[in-house]
């Protein structure tokens, strides 16, 4: 997998996603695995992301494992990644850091 935008030729897409921290682009989706010091920290993060997704009406695929949450974002209606995905990815990064 390549970090998002390394092989992406669309200049607009590059500008849209250049500020994302370590998200990867593959199969018309972006994804990232967040690591935590405890299982419950991961559960709490997943819950925050789920609440944000519900408010935005943009629902990612999320997988919870021991001390990790893997998030996959794509816009099914468009068949690729859009600004909706970038916005939710940035919010995920903010909540992870904050």
PDB file of N, CA and C in Angstrom:
ATOM      1  N   UNK A   1       0.831  -1.187   0.000  1.00  0.00           N
ATOM      2  CA  UNK A   1       0.000   0.000   0.000  1.00  0.00           C
ATOM      3  C   UNK A   1       0.872   1.245   0.000  1.00  0.00           C
ATOM      4  N   UNK A   2       0.393   2.239  -0.684  1.00  0.00           N
ATOM      5  CA  UNK A   2       1.100   3.512  -0.705  1.00  0.00           C
ATOM      6  C   UNK A   2       0.386   4.493   0.197  1.00  0.00           C
ATOM      7  N   UNK A   3       1.167   5.385   0.815  1.00  0.00           N
ATOM      8  CA  UNK A   3       0.498   6.454   1.549  1.00  0.00           C
ATOM      9  C   UNK A   3      -0.297   7.264   0.562  1.00  0.00           C
ATOM     10  N   UNK A   4      -1.442   7.710   1.001  1.00  0.00           N
ATOM     11  CA  UNK A   4      -2.363   8.385   0.110  1.00  0.00           C
ATOM     12  C   UNK A   4      -1.685   9.533  -0.614  1.00  0.00           C
ATOM     13  N   UNK A   5      -1.954   9.625  -1.876  1.00  0.00           N
ATOM     14  CA  UNK A   5      -1.506  10.684  -2.781  1.00  0.00           C
ATOM     15  C   UNK A   5      -0.127  10.446  -3.367  1.00  0.00           C
ATOM     16  N   UNK A   6       0.653   9.524  -2.872  1.00  0.00           N
ATOM     17  CA  UNK A   6       1.968   9.311  -3.465  1.00  0.00           C
ATOM     18  C   UNK A   6       1.857   8.922  -4.932  1.00  0.00           C
ATOM     19  N   UNK A   7       0.873   8.117  -5.278  1.00  0.00           N
ATOM     20  CA  UNK A   7       0.691   7.702  -6.659  1.00  0.00           C
ATOM     21  C   UNK A   7      -0.590   8.258  -7.262  1.00  0.00           C
ATOM     22  N   UNK A   8      -1.224   9.160  -6.590  1.00  0.00           N
ATOM     23  CA  UNK A   8      -2.500   9.699  -7.052  1.00  0.00           C
ATOM     24  C   UNK A   8      -2.231  10.865  -7.979  1.00  0.00           C
ATOM     25  N   UNK A   9      -2.714  10.806  -9.203  1.00  0.00           N
ATOM     26  CA  UNK A   9      -2.347  11.788 -10.213  1.00  0.00           C
ATOM     27  C   UNK A   9      -3.242  13.027 -10.225  1.00  0.00           C
ATOM     28  N   UNK A  10      -4.394  12.979  -9.632  1.00  0.00           N
ATOM     29  CA  UNK A  10      -5.327  14.095  -9.671  1.00  0.00           C
ATOM     30  C   UNK A  10      -4.866  15.201  -8.720  1.00  0.00           C
ATOM     31  N   UNK A  11      -4.552  16.381  -9.261  1.00  0.00           N
ATOM     32  CA  UNK A  11      -4.053  17.485  -8.443  1.00  0.00           C
ATOM     33  C   UNK A  11      -5.065  17.941  -7.399  1.00  0.00           C
ATOM     34  N   UNK A  12      -6.338  17.963  -7.761  1.00  0.00           N
ATOM     35  CA  UNK A  12      -7.364  18.368  -6.810  1.00  0.00           C
ATOM     36  C   UNK A  12      -7.416  17.389  -5.637  1.00  0.00           C
ATOM     37  N   UNK A  13      -7.350  16.109  -5.927  1.00  0.00           N
ATOM     38  CA  UNK A  13      -7.354  15.103  -4.869  1.00  0.00           C
ATOM     39  C   UNK A  13      -6.123  15.260  -3.985  1.00  0.00           C
ATOM     40  N   UNK A  14      -4.989  15.543  -4.589  1.00  0.00           N
ATOM     41  CA  UNK A  14      -3.777  15.747  -3.798  1.00  0.00           C
ATOM     42  C   UNK A  14      -3.965  16.896  -2.816  1.00  0.00           C
ATOM     43  N   UNK A  15      -4.520  17.995  -3.276  1.00  0.00           N
ATOM     44  CA  UNK A  15      -4.746  19.135  -2.389  1.00  0.00           C
ATOM     45  C   UNK A  15      -5.746  18.796  -1.291  1.00  0.00           C
ATOM     46  N   UNK A  16      -6.753  17.993  -1.625  1.00  0.00           N
ATOM     47  CA  UNK A  16      -7.787  17.636  -0.666  1.00  0.00           C
ATOM     48  C   UNK A  16      -7.232  16.755   0.453  1.00  0.00           C
ATOM     49  N   UNK A  17      -6.272  15.889   0.136  1.00  0.00           N
ATOM     50  CA  UNK A  17      -5.822  14.880   1.091  1.00  0.00           C
ATOM     51  C   UNK A  17      -4.386  15.055   1.575  1.00  0.00           C
ATOM     52  N   UNK A  18      -3.714  16.100   1.148  1.00  0.00           N
ATOM     53  CA  UNK A  18      -2.303  16.251   1.497  1.00  0.00           C
ATOM     54  C   UNK A  18      -2.052  16.429   2.990  1.00  0.00           C
ATOM     55  N   UNK A  19      -3.041  16.913   3.730  1.00  0.00           N
ATOM     56  CA  UNK A  19      -2.869  17.149   5.155  1.00  0.00           C
ATOM     57  C   UNK A  19      -3.224  15.950   6.023  1.00  0.00           C
ATOM     58  N   UNK A  20      -3.629  14.865   5.424  1.00  0.00           N
ATOM     59  CA  UNK A  20      -3.977  13.691   6.213  1.00  0.00           C
ATOM     60  C   UNK A  20      -2.713  13.001   6.697  1.00  0.00           C
ATOM     61  N   UNK A  21      -2.746  12.535   7.932  1.00  0.00           N
ATOM     62  CA  UNK A  21      -1.585  11.942   8.581  1.00  0.00           C
ATOM     63  C   UNK A  21      -1.591  10.417   8.442  1.00  0.00           C
ATOM     64  N   UNK A  22      -0.800   9.905   7.527  1.00  0.00           N
ATOM     65  CA  UNK A  22      -0.570   8.454   7.362  1.00  0.00           C
ATOM     66  C   UNK A  22      -1.782   7.649   6.900  1.00  0.00           C
ATOM     67  N   UNK A  23      -2.733   8.286   6.270  1.00  0.00           N
ATOM     68  CA  UNK A  23      -3.830   7.537   5.666  1.00  0.00           C
ATOM     69  C   UNK A  23      -3.321   6.922   4.374  1.00  0.00           C
ATOM     70  N   UNK A  24      -3.783   5.713   4.068  1.00  0.00           N
ATOM     71  CA  UNK A  24      -3.357   5.014   2.861  1.00  0.00           C
ATOM     72  C   UNK A  24      -4.522   4.901   1.886  1.00  0.00           C
ATOM     73  N   UNK A  25      -4.219   5.014   0.591  1.00  0.00           N
ATOM     74  CA  UNK A  25      -5.229   4.893  -0.463  1.00  0.00           C
ATOM     75  C   UNK A  25      -5.070   3.539  -1.142  1.00  0.00           C
ATOM     76  N   UNK A  26      -6.172   2.784  -1.182  1.00  0.00           N
ATOM     77  CA  UNK A  26      -6.167   1.499  -1.870  1.00  0.00           C
ATOM     78  C   UNK A  26      -7.609   1.110  -2.162  1.00  0.00           C
ATOM     79  N   UNK A  27      -7.841   0.572  -3.338  1.00  0.00           N
ATOM     80  CA  UNK A  27      -9.176   0.096  -3.728  1.00  0.00           C
ATOM     81  C   UNK A  27     -10.253   1.168  -3.557  1.00  0.00           C
ATOM     82  N   UNK A  28      -9.914   2.383  -3.974  1.00  0.00           N
ATOM     83  CA  UNK A  28     -10.861   3.501  -3.964  1.00  0.00           C
ATOM     84  C   UNK A  28     -11.373   3.823  -2.560  1.00  0.00           C
ATOM     85  N   UNK A  29     -10.481   3.688  -1.584  1.00  0.00           N
ATOM     86  CA  UNK A  29     -10.798   4.014  -0.194  1.00  0.00           C
ATOM     87  C   UNK A  29      -9.517   4.472   0.496  1.00  0.00           C
ATOM     88  N   UNK A  30      -9.675   5.198   1.601  1.00  0.00           N
ATOM     89  CA  UNK A  30      -8.525   5.528   2.436  1.00  0.00           C
ATOM     90  C   UNK A  30      -8.697   4.812   3.768  1.00  0.00           C
ATOM     91  N   UNK A  31      -7.580   4.421   4.353  1.00  0.00           N
ATOM     92  CA  UNK A  31      -7.654   3.683   5.613  1.00  0.00           C
ATOM     93  C   UNK A  31      -6.478   4.033   6.506  1.00  0.00           C
ATOM     94  N   UNK A  32      -6.690   3.769   7.782  1.00  0.00           N
ATOM     95  CA  UNK A  32      -5.643   4.008   8.775  1.00  0.00           C
ATOM     96  C   UNK A  32      -5.937   3.142   9.989  1.00  0.00           C
ATOM     97  N   UNK A  33      -4.868   2.661  10.622  1.00  0.00           N
ATOM     98  CA  UNK A  33      -4.984   1.932  11.869  1.00  0.00           C
ATOM     99  C   UNK A  33      -4.467   2.818  12.996  1.00  0.00           C
ATOM    100  N   UNK A  34      -5.296   3.016  13.997  1.00  0.00           N
ATOM    101  CA  UNK A  34      -4.946   3.804  15.173  1.00  0.00           C
ATOM    102  C   UNK A  34      -4.609   2.830  16.300  1.00  0.00           C
ATOM    103  N   UNK A  35      -3.495   3.077  16.992  1.00  0.00           N
ATOM    104  CA  UNK A  35      -3.071   2.200  18.083  1.00  0.00           C
ATOM    105  C   UNK A  35      -3.218   2.907  19.423  1.00  0.00           C
ATOM    106  N   UNK A  36      -3.612   2.125  20.447  1.00  0.00           N
ATOM    107  CA  UNK A  36      -3.913   2.666  21.768  1.00  0.00           C
ATOM    108  C   UNK A  36      -3.161   1.892  22.842  1.00  0.00           C
ATOM    109  N   UNK A  37      -3.061   2.497  24.006  1.00  0.00           N
ATOM    110  CA  UNK A  37      -2.357   1.860  25.119  1.00  0.00           C
ATOM    111  C   UNK A  37      -3.237   0.842  25.847  1.00  0.00           C
ATOM    112  N   UNK A  38      -4.550   0.903  25.608  1.00  0.00           N
ATOM    113  CA  UNK A  38      -5.447  -0.063  26.238  1.00  0.00           C
ATOM    114  C   UNK A  38      -6.617  -0.361  25.305  1.00  0.00           C
ATOM    115  N   UNK A  39      -7.235  -1.485  25.560  1.00  0.00           N
ATOM    116  CA  UNK A  39      -8.404  -1.897  24.775  1.00  0.00           C
ATOM    117  C   UNK A  39      -9.537  -0.877  24.908  1.00  0.00           C
ATOM    118  N   UNK A  40      -9.804  -0.439  26.144  1.00  0.00           N
ATOM    119  CA  UNK A  40     -10.911   0.503  26.357  1.00  0.00           C
ATOM    120  C   UNK A  40     -10.663   1.863  25.714  1.00  0.00           C
ATOM    121  N   UNK A  41      -9.417   2.274  25.597  1.00  0.00           N
ATOM    122  CA  UNK A  41      -9.115   3.516  24.879  1.00  0.00           C
ATOM    123  C   UNK A  41      -9.532   3.393  23.417  1.00  0.00           C
ATOM    124  N   UNK A  42      -9.286   2.234  22.824  1.00  0.00           N
ATOM    125  CA  UNK A  42      -9.714   1.980  21.451  1.00  0.00           C
ATOM    126  C   UNK A  42     -11.228   1.969  21.319  1.00  0.00           C
ATOM    127  N   UNK A  43     -11.906   1.357  22.299  1.00  0.00           N
ATOM    128  CA  UNK A  43     -13.370   1.327  22.300  1.00  0.00           C
ATOM    129  C   UNK A  43     -13.926   2.744  22.390  1.00  0.00           C
ATOM    130  N   UNK A  44     -13.363   3.560  23.262  1.00  0.00           N
ATOM    131  CA  UNK A  44     -13.824   4.947  23.411  1.00  0.00           C
ATOM    132  C   UNK A  44     -13.616   5.751  22.130  1.00  0.00           C
ATOM    133  N   UNK A  45     -12.469   5.556  21.490  1.00  0.00           N
ATOM    134  CA  UNK A  45     -12.188   6.239  20.221  1.00  0.00           C
ATOM    135  C   UNK A  45     -13.198   5.813  19.153  1.00  0.00           C
ATOM    136  N   UNK A  46     -13.429   4.517  19.049  1.00  0.00           N
ATOM    137  CA  UNK A  46     -14.383   4.012  18.065  1.00  0.00           C
ATOM    138  C   UNK A  46     -15.760   4.615  18.310  1.00  0.00           C
ATOM    139  N   UNK A  47     -16.147   4.732  19.551  1.00  0.00           N
ATOM    140  CA  UNK A  47     -17.436   5.322  19.889  1.00  0.00           C
ATOM    141  C   UNK A  47     -17.505   6.793  19.463  1.00  0.00           C
ATOM    142  N   UNK A  48     -16.427   7.539  19.672  1.00  0.00           N
ATOM    143  CA  UNK A  48     -16.385   8.947  19.246  1.00  0.00           C
ATOM    144  C   UNK A  48     -16.515   9.060  17.733  1.00  0.00           C
ATOM    145  N   UNK A  49     -15.779   8.216  17.027  1.00  0.00           N
ATOM    146  CA  UNK A  49     -15.838   8.240  15.561  1.00  0.00           C
ATOM    147  C   UNK A  49     -17.239   7.859  15.083  1.00  0.00           C
ATOM    148  N   UNK A  50     -17.855   6.881  15.717  1.00  0.00           N
ATOM    149  CA  UNK A  50     -19.214   6.476  15.337  1.00  0.00           C
ATOM    150  C   UNK A  50     -20.197   7.633  15.518  1.00  0.00           C
ATOM    151  N   UNK A  51     -20.058   8.382  16.602  1.00  0.00           N
ATOM    152  CA  UNK A  51     -20.933   9.538  16.833  1.00  0.00           C
ATOM    153  C   UNK A  51     -20.715  10.620  15.782  1.00  0.00           C
ATOM    154  N   UNK A  52     -19.455  10.894  15.463  1.00  0.00           N
ATOM    155  CA  UNK A  52     -19.150  11.871  14.417  1.00  0.00           C
ATOM    156  C   UNK A  52     -19.728  11.424  13.076  1.00  0.00           C
ATOM    157  N   UNK A  53     -19.549  10.164  12.759  1.00  0.00           N
ATOM    158  CA  UNK A  53     -20.038   9.625  11.488  1.00  0.00           C
ATOM    159  C   UNK A  53     -21.554   9.753  11.390  1.00  0.00           C
ATOM    160  N   UNK A  54     -22.221   9.504  12.488  1.00  0.00           N
ATOM    161  CA  UNK A  54     -23.688   9.604  12.492  1.00  0.00           C
ATOM    162  C   UNK A  54     -24.120  11.046  12.251  1.00  0.00           C
ATOM    163  N   UNK A  55     -23.438  12.003  12.890  1.00  0.00           N
ATOM    164  CA  UNK A  55     -23.768  13.417  12.693  1.00  0.00           C
ATOM    165  C   UNK A  55     -23.527  13.852  11.251  1.00  0.00           C
ATOM    166  N   UNK A  56     -22.470  13.321  10.646  1.00  0.00           N
ATOM    167  CA  UNK A  56     -22.128  13.671   9.267  1.00  0.00           C
ATOM    168  C   UNK A  56     -22.898  12.831   8.241  1.00  0.00           C
ATOM    169  N   UNK A  57     -23.604  11.815   8.710  1.00  0.00           N
ATOM    170  CA  UNK A  57     -24.281  10.865   7.834  1.00  0.00           C
ATOM    171  C   UNK A  57     -23.307  10.272   6.810  1.00  0.00           C
ATOM    172  N   UNK A  58     -22.139   9.907   7.319  1.00  0.00           N
ATOM    173  CA  UNK A  58     -21.088   9.317   6.483  1.00  0.00           C
ATOM    174  C   UNK A  58     -20.397   8.245   7.328  1.00  0.00           C
ATOM    175  N   UNK A  59     -20.701   6.990   7.049  1.00  0.00           N
ATOM    176  CA  UNK A  59     -20.368   5.903   7.957  1.00  0.00           C
ATOM    177  C   UNK A  59     -19.202   5.049   7.445  1.00  0.00           C
ATOM    178  N   UNK A  60     -18.100   5.042   8.190  1.00  0.00           N
ATOM    179  CA  UNK A  60     -16.943   4.240   7.786  1.00  0.00           C
ATOM    180  C   UNK A  60     -17.094   2.781   8.193  1.00  0.00           C
ATOM    181  N   UNK A  61     -16.264   1.944   7.602  1.00  0.00           N
ATOM    182  CA  UNK A  61     -16.092   0.580   8.098  1.00  0.00           C
ATOM    183  C   UNK A  61     -15.036   0.669   9.190  1.00  0.00           C
ATOM    184  N   UNK A  62     -15.329   0.099  10.354  1.00  0.00           N
ATOM    185  CA  UNK A  62     -14.389   0.153  11.477  1.00  0.00           C
ATOM    186  C   UNK A  62     -14.223  -1.245  12.060  1.00  0.00           C
ATOM    187  N   UNK A  63     -12.980  -1.564  12.397  1.00  0.00           N
ATOM    188  CA  UNK A  63     -12.660  -2.842  13.010  1.00  0.00           C
ATOM    189  C   UNK A  63     -11.918  -2.579  14.309  1.00  0.00           C
ATOM    190  N   UNK A  64     -12.395  -3.176  15.377  1.00  0.00           N
ATOM    191  CA  UNK A  64     -11.769  -3.062  16.685  1.00  0.00           C
ATOM    192  C   UNK A  64     -11.048  -4.364  17.002  1.00  0.00           C
ATOM    193  N   UNK A  65      -9.761  -4.250  17.292  1.00  0.00           N
ATOM    194  CA  UNK A  65      -8.983  -5.392  17.774  1.00  0.00           C
ATOM    195  C   UNK A  65      -8.247  -4.937  19.029  1.00  0.00           C
ATOM    196  N   UNK A  66      -7.433  -5.795  19.588  1.00  0.00           N
ATOM    197  CA  UNK A  66      -6.740  -5.479  20.827  1.00  0.00           C
ATOM    198  C   UNK A  66      -5.882  -4.221  20.642  1.00  0.00           C
ATOM    199  N   UNK A  67      -6.299  -3.139  21.287  1.00  0.00           N
ATOM    200  CA  UNK A  67      -5.575  -1.859  21.306  1.00  0.00           C
ATOM    201  C   UNK A  67      -5.434  -1.207  19.931  1.00  0.00           C
ATOM    202  N   UNK A  68      -6.278  -1.587  18.989  1.00  0.00           N
ATOM    203  CA  UNK A  68      -6.218  -1.005  17.646  1.00  0.00           C
ATOM    204  C   UNK A  68      -7.629  -0.791  17.099  1.00  0.00           C
ATOM    205  N   UNK A  69      -7.772   0.283  16.326  1.00  0.00           N
ATOM    206  CA  UNK A  69      -9.004   0.533  15.568  1.00  0.00           C
ATOM    207  C   UNK A  69      -8.581   0.821  14.138  1.00  0.00           C
ATOM    208  N   UNK A  70      -9.112   0.052  13.205  1.00  0.00           N
ATOM    209  CA  UNK A  70      -8.830   0.244  11.778  1.00  0.00           C
ATOM    210  C   UNK A  70     -10.063   0.873  11.144  1.00  0.00           C
ATOM    211  N   UNK A  71      -9.850   1.986  10.431  1.00  0.00           N
ATOM    212  CA  UNK A  71     -10.957   2.718   9.810  1.00  0.00           C
ATOM    213  C   UNK A  71     -10.746   2.766   8.302  1.00  0.00           C
ATOM    214  N   UNK A  72     -11.807   2.474   7.558  1.00  0.00           N
ATOM    215  CA  UNK A  72     -11.797   2.542   6.093  1.00  0.00           C
ATOM    216  C   UNK A  72     -12.889   3.509   5.667  1.00  0.00           C
ATOM    217  N   UNK A  73     -12.507   4.504   4.862  1.00  0.00           N
ATOM    218  CA  UNK A  73     -13.439   5.527   4.383  1.00  0.00           C
ATOM    219  C   UNK A  73     -13.519   5.518   2.864  1.00  0.00           C
ATOM    220  N   UNK A  74     -14.735   5.535   2.350  1.00  0.00           N
ATOM    221  CA  UNK A  74     -14.990   5.709   0.927  1.00  0.00           C
ATOM    222  C   UNK A  74     -16.401   6.270   0.787  1.00  0.00           C
ATOM    223  N   UNK A  75     -16.669   6.900  -0.332  1.00  0.00           N
ATOM    224  CA  UNK A  75     -18.017   7.396  -0.597  1.00  0.00           C
ATOM    225  C   UNK A  75     -18.637   6.474  -1.635  1.00  0.00           C
ATOM    226  N   UNK A  76     -19.518   5.610  -1.182  1.00  0.00           N
ATOM    227  CA  UNK A  76     -20.081   4.579  -2.056  1.00  0.00           C
ATOM    228  C   UNK A  76     -20.843   5.171  -3.232  1.00  0.00           C
ATOM    229  N   UNK A  77     -21.531   6.282  -3.019  1.00  0.00           N
ATOM    230  CA  UNK A  77     -22.304   6.902  -4.100  1.00  0.00           C
ATOM    231  C   UNK A  77     -21.421   7.336  -5.262  1.00  0.00           C
ATOM    232  N   UNK A  78     -20.212   7.794  -4.967  1.00  0.00           N
ATOM    233  CA  UNK A  78     -19.320   8.261  -6.027  1.00  0.00           C
ATOM    234  C   UNK A  78     -18.385   7.156  -6.514  1.00  0.00           C
ATOM    235  N   UNK A  79     -18.250   6.093  -5.730  1.00  0.00           N
ATOM    236  CA  UNK A  79     -17.368   5.002  -6.122  1.00  0.00           C
ATOM    237  C   UNK A  79     -15.903   5.285  -5.860  1.00  0.00           C
ATOM    238  N   UNK A  80     -15.610   6.284  -5.039  1.00  0.00           N
ATOM    239  CA  UNK A  80     -14.214   6.626  -4.738  1.00  0.00           C
ATOM    240  C   UNK A  80     -14.196   7.501  -3.488  1.00  0.00           C
ATOM    241  N   UNK A  81     -13.027   8.011  -3.188  1.00  0.00           N
ATOM    242  CA  UNK A  81     -12.838   8.887  -2.043  1.00  0.00           C
ATOM    243  C   UNK A  81     -13.241  10.312  -2.423  1.00  0.00           C
ATOM    244  N   UNK A  82     -13.939  10.999  -1.513  1.00  0.00           N
ATOM    245  CA  UNK A  82     -14.370  12.378  -1.761  1.00  0.00           C
ATOM    246  C   UNK A  82     -13.998  13.262  -0.572  1.00  0.00           C
ATOM    247  N   UNK A  83     -14.408  14.519  -0.659  1.00  0.00           N
ATOM    248  CA  UNK A  83     -14.146  15.452   0.431  1.00  0.00           C
ATOM    249  C   UNK A  83     -14.829  15.029   1.733  1.00  0.00           C
ATOM    250  N   UNK A  84     -15.928  14.268   1.652  1.00  0.00           N
ATOM    251  CA  UNK A  84     -16.572  13.741   2.858  1.00  0.00           C
ATOM    252  C   UNK A  84     -15.616  12.831   3.624  1.00  0.00           C
ATOM    253  N   UNK A  85     -14.874  12.026   2.872  1.00  0.00           N
ATOM    254  CA  UNK A  85     -13.910  11.117   3.496  1.00  0.00           C
ATOM    255  C   UNK A  85     -12.755  11.888   4.119  1.00  0.00           C
ATOM    256  N   UNK A  86     -12.277  12.896   3.406  1.00  0.00           N
ATOM    257  CA  UNK A  86     -11.185  13.716   3.934  1.00  0.00           C
ATOM    258  C   UNK A  86     -11.605  14.417   5.215  1.00  0.00           C
ATOM    259  N   UNK A  87     -12.832  14.938   5.244  1.00  0.00           N
ATOM    260  CA  UNK A  87     -13.316  15.642   6.430  1.00  0.00           C
ATOM    261  C   UNK A  87     -13.400  14.702   7.628  1.00  0.00           C
ATOM    262  N   UNK A  88     -13.935  13.509   7.429  1.00  0.00           N
ATOM    263  CA  UNK A  88     -14.048  12.566   8.535  1.00  0.00           C
ATOM    264  C   UNK A  88     -12.669  12.051   8.951  1.00  0.00           C
ATOM    265  N   UNK A  89     -11.780  11.846   7.998  1.00  0.00           N
ATOM    266  CA  UNK A  89     -10.415  11.411   8.330  1.00  0.00           C
ATOM    267  C   UNK A  89      -9.716  12.453   9.208  1.00  0.00           C
ATOM    268  N   UNK A  90      -9.861  13.716   8.859  1.00  0.00           N
ATOM    269  CA  UNK A  90      -9.255  14.784   9.667  1.00  0.00           C
ATOM    270  C   UNK A  90      -9.838  14.804  11.075  1.00  0.00           C
ATOM    271  N   UNK A  91     -11.145  14.602  11.188  1.00  0.00           N
ATOM    272  CA  UNK A  91     -11.768  14.548  12.514  1.00  0.00           C
ATOM    273  C   UNK A  91     -11.263  13.347  13.321  1.00  0.00           C
ATOM    274  N   UNK A  92     -11.075  12.221  12.658  1.00  0.00           N
ATOM    275  CA  UNK A  92     -10.516  11.045  13.343  1.00  0.00           C
ATOM    276  C   UNK A  92      -9.125  11.364  13.880  1.00  0.00           C
ATOM    277  N   UNK A  93      -8.309  11.978  13.054  1.00  0.00           N
ATOM    278  CA  UNK A  93      -6.954  12.347  13.489  1.00  0.00           C
ATOM    279  C   UNK A  93      -7.006  13.324  14.665  1.00  0.00           C
ATOM    280  N   UNK A  94      -7.888  14.288  14.606  1.00  0.00           N
ATOM    281  CA  UNK A  94      -8.010  15.276  15.696  1.00  0.00           C
ATOM    282  C   UNK A  94      -8.413  14.607  17.002  1.00  0.00           C
ATOM    283  N   UNK A  95      -9.376  13.693  16.949  1.00  0.00           N
ATOM    284  CA  UNK A  95      -9.820  13.011  18.165  1.00  0.00           C
ATOM    285  C   UNK A  95      -8.763  12.053  18.695  1.00  0.00           C
ATOM    286  N   UNK A  96      -7.981  11.493  17.795  1.00  0.00           N
ATOM    287  CA  UNK A  96      -6.908  10.601  18.229  1.00  0.00           C
ATOM    288  C   UNK A  96      -5.825  11.392  18.969  1.00  0.00           C
ATOM    289  N   UNK A  97      -5.498  12.556  18.454  1.00  0.00           N
ATOM    290  CA  UNK A  97      -4.451  13.395  19.068  1.00  0.00           C
ATOM    291  C   UNK A  97      -4.948  14.116  20.310  1.00  0.00           C
ATOM    292  N   UNK A  98      -6.259  14.429  20.332  1.00  0.00           N
ATOM    293  CA  UNK A  98      -6.807  15.237  21.413  1.00  0.00           C
ATOM    294  C   UNK A  98      -7.269  14.418  22.544  1.00  0.00           C
TER     295      UNK A  98
END
